[in-house]
Amino acid sequence: MKNRMREFADRMVNGPRKARGIGRKMGKCLAAGGLAVTTGIMLCACGARQSSAEASNRLEQIKQKGYIEVVTEPYFAPNEFIDSTKTGDEQYVGADIELARYIADKLGVELRIVPLEFAAVLSSITEGKYDLAISALAYTPERAEAMTLSKGYYFAENEGYGFLVREEDINNYPDAASFEDAVIVCQSGSLQEAYVTSQIPKCKEIKRVSATTDGFLMVQEGKADAAATYMGTARLYAEANPGVVIANDFMFEVDKSTEGTRIGMPKDEPELEAAINEIIDEIIESGQFEEWMEEYSEYARSLGIE
């Protein structure tokens, strides 16, 4: 009995010692594991700092990530429009889309097209969400304040801005004063909207839409009398849609010093701006963009683009 009591006492004394030994071994393992995790975190942090240091500006970020995001409103033929027979990014076609591809190729990255309404195209660039806006952007002082605008890359001859009207009204609007009883529609945030508000002294009402083609449709349906528009786009639409025409005689006055279609970029990115302007110099010298405009004008006609 005494022997059994000694054995029991032995177990009670030695057992915890063994347990404490195991605990010490586990503590050492955990400490070693913790050191490894800490070292890993430190290495990751160093790697992140190094990566951040490598991409010190947006141009470097684009090259580092391997793609460029270009935002556009794809309802402005022949610059940008949709070929419904295609899918994915391939459905977005036009002269501006070719320019976007050319830029991506020059930078050695993949092109990713982001389609948005026009007002969102502008705000997404001013907020720095995307890399470039290539969407037939014209110069305005307000845009130049909110974003960086590239050099002009397309200067249309014998084009300009005017109105699309119903065929029976072709001669009803010879000057700005003649719109007094007209309902005018224009794309929100566009240069046409600025022209309407600054050059038409009085009209019955101004309606705003997200896409120029929506304004054209309103004129066709009698919901508006005149749609302010770029002439090239209006001409393509009128060719595909009997019953609407470009109003005779009237054209908006355009400041020659601000002419030219441009690319929008987030502010304070001089490296990106320099790279884009260099590419624009190339396509101006080669006449490439004019060729794209001719090609995609025909393309749009073949699709009956509205």
Protein backbone atom coordinates (compact mmCIF):
# COMPACT_ATOMS: atom_id res chain seq x y z
CA MET A 1 0.00 0.00 0.00
CA LYS A 2 2.82 2.37 0.93
CA ASN A 3 4.62 1.46 -2.30
CA ARG A 4 1.51 2.35 -4.29
CA MET A 5 1.23 5.67 -2.44
CA ARG A 6 4.86 6.45 -3.29
CA GLU A 7 4.20 5.63 -6.98
CA PHE A 8 1.19 7.94 -6.94
CA ALA A 9 3.20 10.72 -5.27
CA ASP A 10 6.00 10.18 -7.77
CA ARG A 11 3.58 10.63 -10.64
CA MET A 12 2.18 13.80 -9.14
CA VAL A 13 5.65 15.30 -8.72
CA ASN A 14 7.36 14.11 -11.91
CA GLY A 15 4.30 14.40 -14.16
CA PRO A 16 4.10 18.22 -14.06
CA ARG A 17 7.86 18.39 -14.55
CA LYS A 18 7.52 16.44 -17.78
CA ALA A 19 4.61 18.65 -18.79
CA ARG A 20 6.65 21.75 -18.06
CA GLY A 21 9.45 20.31 -20.22
CA ILE A 22 7.03 19.81 -23.09
CA GLY A 23 5.70 23.35 -22.55
CA ARG A 24 9.23 24.74 -22.77
CA LYS A 25 9.81 22.88 -26.05
CA MET A 26 6.50 24.16 -27.45
CA GLY A 27 7.37 27.68 -26.36
CA LYS A 28 10.65 27.48 -28.25
CA CYS A 29 8.83 26.23 -31.36
CA LEU A 30 6.25 28.98 -31.13
CA ALA A 31 8.96 31.59 -30.64
CA ALA A 32 10.80 30.28 -33.69
CA GLY A 33 7.56 30.29 -35.69
CA GLY A 34 6.77 33.82 -34.56
CA LEU A 35 10.23 34.95 -35.63
CA ALA A 36 9.70 33.38 -39.06
CA VAL A 37 6.31 35.10 -39.47
CA THR A 38 7.75 38.43 -38.33
CA THR A 39 10.64 38.05 -40.75
CA GLY A 40 8.17 37.23 -43.54
CA ILE A 41 6.08 40.30 -42.77
CA MET A 42 9.19 42.46 -42.72
CA LEU A 43 10.29 41.07 -46.07
CA CYS A 44 6.83 41.69 -47.54
CA ALA A 45 6.86 45.24 -46.22
CA CYS A 46 10.29 45.81 -47.70
CA GLY A 47 9.07 44.35 -50.99
CA ALA A 48 6.01 46.63 -50.95
CA ARG A 49 8.19 49.66 -50.28
CA GLN A 50 10.53 48.63 -53.07
CA SER A 51 7.60 48.09 -55.46
CA SER A 52 6.15 51.47 -54.51
CA ALA A 53 9.53 53.09 -55.06
CA GLU A 54 9.79 51.48 -58.48
CA ALA A 55 6.40 52.95 -59.55
CA SER A 56 6.85 56.59 -58.59
CA ASN A 57 4.38 57.94 -61.17
CA ARG A 58 1.34 56.81 -63.17
CA LEU A 59 3.27 55.99 -66.34
CA GLU A 60 5.54 53.65 -64.39
CA GLN A 61 2.51 52.13 -62.66
CA ILE A 62 0.91 51.40 -66.04
CA LYS A 63 4.04 49.68 -67.29
CA GLN A 64 4.48 47.80 -64.03
CA LYS A 65 0.92 46.43 -63.93
CA GLY A 66 1.04 45.61 -67.65
CA TYR A 67 -2.16 47.30 -68.83
CA ILE A 68 -3.68 50.73 -69.42
CA GLU A 69 -7.32 51.57 -68.67
CA VAL A 70 -8.92 53.88 -71.21
CA VAL A 71 -12.38 55.26 -70.54
CA THR A 72 -14.72 56.21 -73.39
CA GLU A 73 -18.37 56.84 -74.22
CA PRO A 74 -18.87 54.49 -77.21
CA TYR A 75 -21.74 56.29 -78.95
CA PHE A 76 -19.95 58.88 -81.04
CA ALA A 77 -19.18 57.47 -84.49
CA PRO A 78 -16.73 57.47 -86.18
CA ASN A 79 -14.56 58.14 -83.11
CA GLU A 80 -15.98 55.43 -80.87
CA PHE A 81 -18.96 53.16 -81.38
CA ILE A 82 -20.15 49.60 -80.91
CA ASP A 83 -20.14 46.78 -83.44
CA SER A 84 -22.89 44.56 -82.05
CA THR A 85 -21.63 41.56 -84.02
CA LYS A 86 -18.61 41.41 -81.71
CA THR A 87 -18.17 40.84 -77.98
CA GLY A 88 -15.88 41.97 -75.16
CA ASP A 89 -13.43 44.76 -75.88
CA GLU A 90 -13.56 43.82 -79.59
CA GLN A 91 -17.04 45.34 -79.86
CA TYR A 92 -15.62 48.82 -79.25
CA VAL A 93 -14.41 50.24 -82.55
CA GLY A 94 -13.57 53.61 -84.08
CA ALA A 95 -10.72 55.99 -84.77
CA ASP A 96 -10.27 56.81 -81.08
CA ILE A 97 -10.21 53.11 -80.21
CA GLU A 98 -7.43 52.59 -82.77
CA LEU A 99 -5.56 55.46 -81.13
CA ALA A 100 -5.98 53.78 -77.73
CA ARG A 101 -4.58 50.51 -79.16
CA TYR A 102 -1.67 52.40 -80.73
CA ILE A 103 -0.83 54.02 -77.38
CA ALA A 104 -1.01 50.68 -75.55
CA ASP A 105 1.28 49.07 -78.14
CA LYS A 106 3.76 51.93 -77.86
CA LEU A 107 3.85 51.57 -74.09
CA GLY A 108 4.12 47.79 -74.36
CA VAL A 109 1.00 47.06 -72.33
CA GLU A 110 -2.47 45.54 -72.72
CA LEU A 111 -5.42 47.84 -73.54
CA ARG A 112 -8.52 47.70 -71.34
CA ILE A 113 -11.54 49.69 -72.53
CA VAL A 114 -13.92 51.06 -69.90
CA PRO A 115 -17.27 52.21 -71.39
CA LEU A 116 -19.11 54.93 -69.44
CA GLU A 117 -21.62 57.71 -69.96
CA PHE A 118 -19.91 60.90 -71.05
CA ALA A 119 -20.31 62.76 -67.74
CA ALA A 120 -18.78 59.76 -65.96
CA VAL A 121 -15.91 59.70 -68.48
CA LEU A 122 -14.97 63.20 -67.37
CA SER A 123 -15.42 62.69 -63.62
CA SER A 124 -13.53 59.39 -63.60
CA ILE A 125 -10.43 61.11 -64.98
CA THR A 126 -10.62 64.11 -62.65
CA GLU A 127 -10.90 61.62 -59.75
CA GLY A 128 -7.94 59.61 -61.06
CA LYS A 129 -9.89 56.33 -61.39
CA TYR A 130 -8.58 55.55 -64.88
CA ASP A 131 -5.47 56.33 -66.90
CA LEU A 132 -6.81 58.05 -70.03
CA ALA A 133 -10.04 59.42 -71.48
CA ILE A 134 -10.14 58.98 -75.25
CA SER A 135 -13.64 60.00 -76.22
CA ALA A 136 -13.53 62.81 -78.82
CA LEU A 137 -12.75 65.31 -76.08
CA ALA A 138 -12.70 68.95 -77.11
CA TYR A 139 -10.87 71.63 -75.16
CA THR A 140 -12.79 73.72 -72.65
CA PRO A 141 -11.29 75.91 -69.91
CA GLU A 142 -13.26 73.93 -67.30
CA ARG A 143 -11.82 70.62 -68.49
CA ALA A 144 -8.33 72.07 -68.58
CA GLU A 145 -8.76 73.04 -64.92
CA ALA A 146 -10.03 69.61 -63.88
CA MET A 147 -7.66 67.36 -65.86
CA THR A 148 -4.57 67.42 -68.03
CA LEU A 149 -5.44 67.70 -71.73
CA SER A 150 -3.04 66.47 -74.37
CA LYS A 151 -2.07 68.22 -77.57
CA GLY A 152 -4.78 68.16 -80.21
CA TYR A 153 -4.61 65.04 -82.38
CA TYR A 154 -7.43 65.70 -84.85
CA PHE A 155 -8.38 68.99 -86.49
CA ALA A 156 -11.49 68.61 -88.65
CA GLU A 157 -11.68 70.74 -91.76
CA ASN A 158 -15.08 71.98 -92.98
CA GLU A 159 -16.82 70.43 -89.98
CA GLY A 160 -17.60 72.24 -86.74
CA TYR A 161 -20.72 72.22 -84.56
CA GLY A 162 -24.36 72.91 -85.38
CA PHE A 163 -27.80 71.31 -85.07
CA LEU A 164 -29.57 68.19 -86.26
CA VAL A 165 -33.24 68.94 -87.00
CA ARG A 166 -36.21 67.29 -88.68
CA GLU A 167 -36.19 67.54 -92.46
CA GLU A 168 -39.14 69.94 -92.57
CA ASP A 169 -37.26 72.35 -90.28
CA ILE A 170 -34.05 72.49 -92.31
CA ASN A 171 -34.42 76.22 -93.05
CA ASN A 172 -36.10 77.31 -89.81
CA TYR A 173 -32.95 78.13 -87.85
CA PRO A 174 -30.71 80.53 -89.79
CA ASP A 175 -29.29 82.25 -86.69
CA ALA A 176 -29.10 82.07 -82.90
CA ALA A 177 -32.21 84.23 -82.38
CA SER A 178 -34.37 81.85 -84.42
CA PHE A 179 -34.27 79.19 -81.64
CA GLU A 180 -36.48 81.28 -79.32
CA ASP A 181 -39.42 78.84 -79.53
CA ALA A 182 -37.36 75.67 -79.96
CA VAL A 183 -36.69 72.84 -77.53
CA ILE A 184 -32.94 72.17 -77.75
CA VAL A 185 -31.31 68.93 -76.61
CA CYS A 186 -27.60 68.46 -75.94
CA GLN A 187 -25.26 65.99 -74.30
CA SER A 188 -24.61 66.76 -70.64
CA GLY A 189 -21.07 67.94 -69.98
CA SER A 190 -20.23 68.29 -73.68
CA LEU A 191 -18.73 71.17 -75.63
CA GLN A 192 -22.07 71.43 -77.47
CA GLU A 193 -23.80 72.14 -74.16
CA ALA A 194 -21.34 74.97 -73.51
CA TYR A 195 -22.00 76.39 -76.98
CA VAL A 196 -25.77 76.29 -76.46
CA THR A 197 -25.68 78.02 -73.09
CA SER A 198 -23.23 80.70 -74.27
CA GLN A 199 -24.34 81.35 -77.86
CA ILE A 200 -28.11 80.78 -77.97
CA PRO A 201 -29.63 83.83 -76.24
CA LYS A 202 -33.05 82.31 -75.70
CA CYS A 203 -34.92 79.08 -76.34
CA LYS A 204 -38.08 77.40 -75.09
CA GLU A 205 -36.19 74.71 -73.14
CA ILE A 206 -32.84 72.96 -72.95
CA LYS A 207 -32.94 69.22 -72.37
CA ARG A 208 -29.83 67.25 -71.48
CA VAL A 209 -29.06 63.62 -72.28
CA SER A 210 -26.20 61.25 -71.52
CA ALA A 211 -25.46 60.37 -75.18
CA THR A 212 -25.62 62.46 -78.35
CA THR A 213 -27.55 59.71 -80.13
CA ASP A 214 -30.27 59.95 -77.45
CA GLY A 215 -30.67 63.60 -78.45
CA PHE A 216 -30.93 62.65 -82.13
CA LEU A 217 -33.67 60.17 -81.29
CA MET A 218 -35.59 62.84 -79.36
CA VAL A 219 -35.58 65.06 -82.45
CA GLN A 220 -36.85 62.18 -84.58
CA GLU A 221 -39.63 61.43 -82.10
CA GLY A 222 -40.68 65.08 -81.79
CA LYS A 223 -39.55 65.36 -78.16
CA ALA A 224 -37.06 68.09 -79.12
CA ASP A 225 -36.68 70.40 -82.09
CA ALA A 226 -32.90 70.61 -82.48
CA ALA A 227 -29.96 68.56 -81.21
CA ALA A 228 -26.66 70.40 -80.76
CA THR A 229 -23.96 68.24 -82.30
CA TYR A 230 -20.62 67.80 -84.00
CA MET A 231 -21.30 67.92 -87.74
CA GLY A 232 -19.43 64.74 -88.63
CA THR A 233 -21.48 62.66 -86.23
CA ALA A 234 -24.74 64.32 -87.34
CA ARG A 235 -23.95 63.61 -90.99
CA LEU A 236 -23.45 59.89 -90.36
CA TYR A 237 -26.66 59.71 -88.36
CA ALA A 238 -28.68 61.58 -91.00
CA GLU A 239 -27.39 59.28 -93.74
CA ALA A 240 -28.61 56.25 -91.80
CA ASN A 241 -31.91 57.82 -90.65
CA PRO A 242 -34.18 59.48 -93.22
CA GLY A 243 -36.22 62.36 -91.87
CA VAL A 244 -33.45 64.25 -90.04
CA VAL A 245 -30.88 66.64 -91.49
CA ILE A 246 -28.27 69.22 -90.50
CA ALA A 247 -29.86 72.66 -90.14
CA ASN A 248 -28.90 74.99 -92.98
CA ASP A 249 -26.86 78.13 -92.40
CA PHE A 250 -26.31 77.91 -88.63
CA MET A 251 -22.98 76.94 -87.07
CA PHE A 252 -21.58 77.69 -83.62
CA GLU A 253 -18.64 80.04 -83.37
CA VAL A 254 -15.50 78.13 -82.41
CA ASP A 255 -12.37 79.51 -80.76
CA LYS A 256 -9.61 78.49 -83.18
CA SER A 257 -6.98 78.52 -80.43
CA THR A 258 -8.76 75.70 -78.61
CA GLU A 259 -9.59 73.50 -81.60
CA GLY A 260 -8.49 69.90 -81.80
CA THR A 261 -9.63 66.63 -80.27
CA ARG A 262 -7.62 65.75 -77.16
CA ILE A 263 -6.88 63.03 -74.63
CA GLY A 264 -7.73 63.55 -70.97
CA MET A 265 -5.39 62.47 -68.15
CA PRO A 266 -5.37 62.83 -64.37
CA LYS A 267 -3.66 66.00 -63.15
CA ASP A 268 0.01 66.20 -62.16
CA GLU A 269 1.34 63.28 -64.21
CA PRO A 270 4.02 64.96 -66.36
CA GLU A 271 5.67 61.67 -67.38
CA LEU A 272 2.40 60.29 -68.76
CA GLU A 273 1.57 63.60 -70.43
CA ALA A 274 4.97 63.70 -72.16
CA ALA A 275 4.64 60.11 -73.39
CA ILE A 276 1.12 60.71 -74.76
CA ASN A 277 2.09 63.95 -76.50
CA GLU A 278 5.08 62.24 -78.11
CA ILE A 279 2.78 59.54 -79.51
CA ILE A 280 0.36 62.22 -80.75
CA ASP A 281 3.24 63.93 -82.59
CA GLU A 282 3.88 60.62 -84.38
CA ILE A 283 0.31 60.12 -85.58
CA ILE A 284 -0.01 63.76 -86.68
CA GLU A 285 3.19 63.55 -88.69
CA SER A 286 2.15 60.27 -90.33
CA GLY A 287 -1.46 61.33 -90.98
CA GLN A 288 -2.56 58.07 -89.37
CA PHE A 289 -5.54 59.45 -87.47
CA GLU A 290 -7.11 60.95 -90.59
CA GLU A 291 -6.86 57.51 -92.19
CA TRP A 292 -8.59 55.95 -89.19
CA MET A 293 -11.36 58.57 -89.38
CA GLU A 294 -11.99 57.74 -93.05
CA GLU A 295 -11.87 54.01 -92.37
CA TYR A 296 -14.31 54.13 -89.47
CA SER A 297 -16.66 56.57 -91.17
CA GLU A 298 -17.14 53.89 -93.81
CA TYR A 299 -17.31 51.21 -91.14
CA ALA A 300 -20.09 53.10 -89.32
CA ARG A 301 -22.02 53.54 -92.58
CA SER A 302 -21.74 49.83 -93.31
CA LEU A 303 -23.32 49.07 -89.93
CA GLY A 304 -26.04 51.69 -90.38
CA ILE A 305 -24.90 53.29 -87.15
CA GLU A 306 -27.56 55.50 -85.57
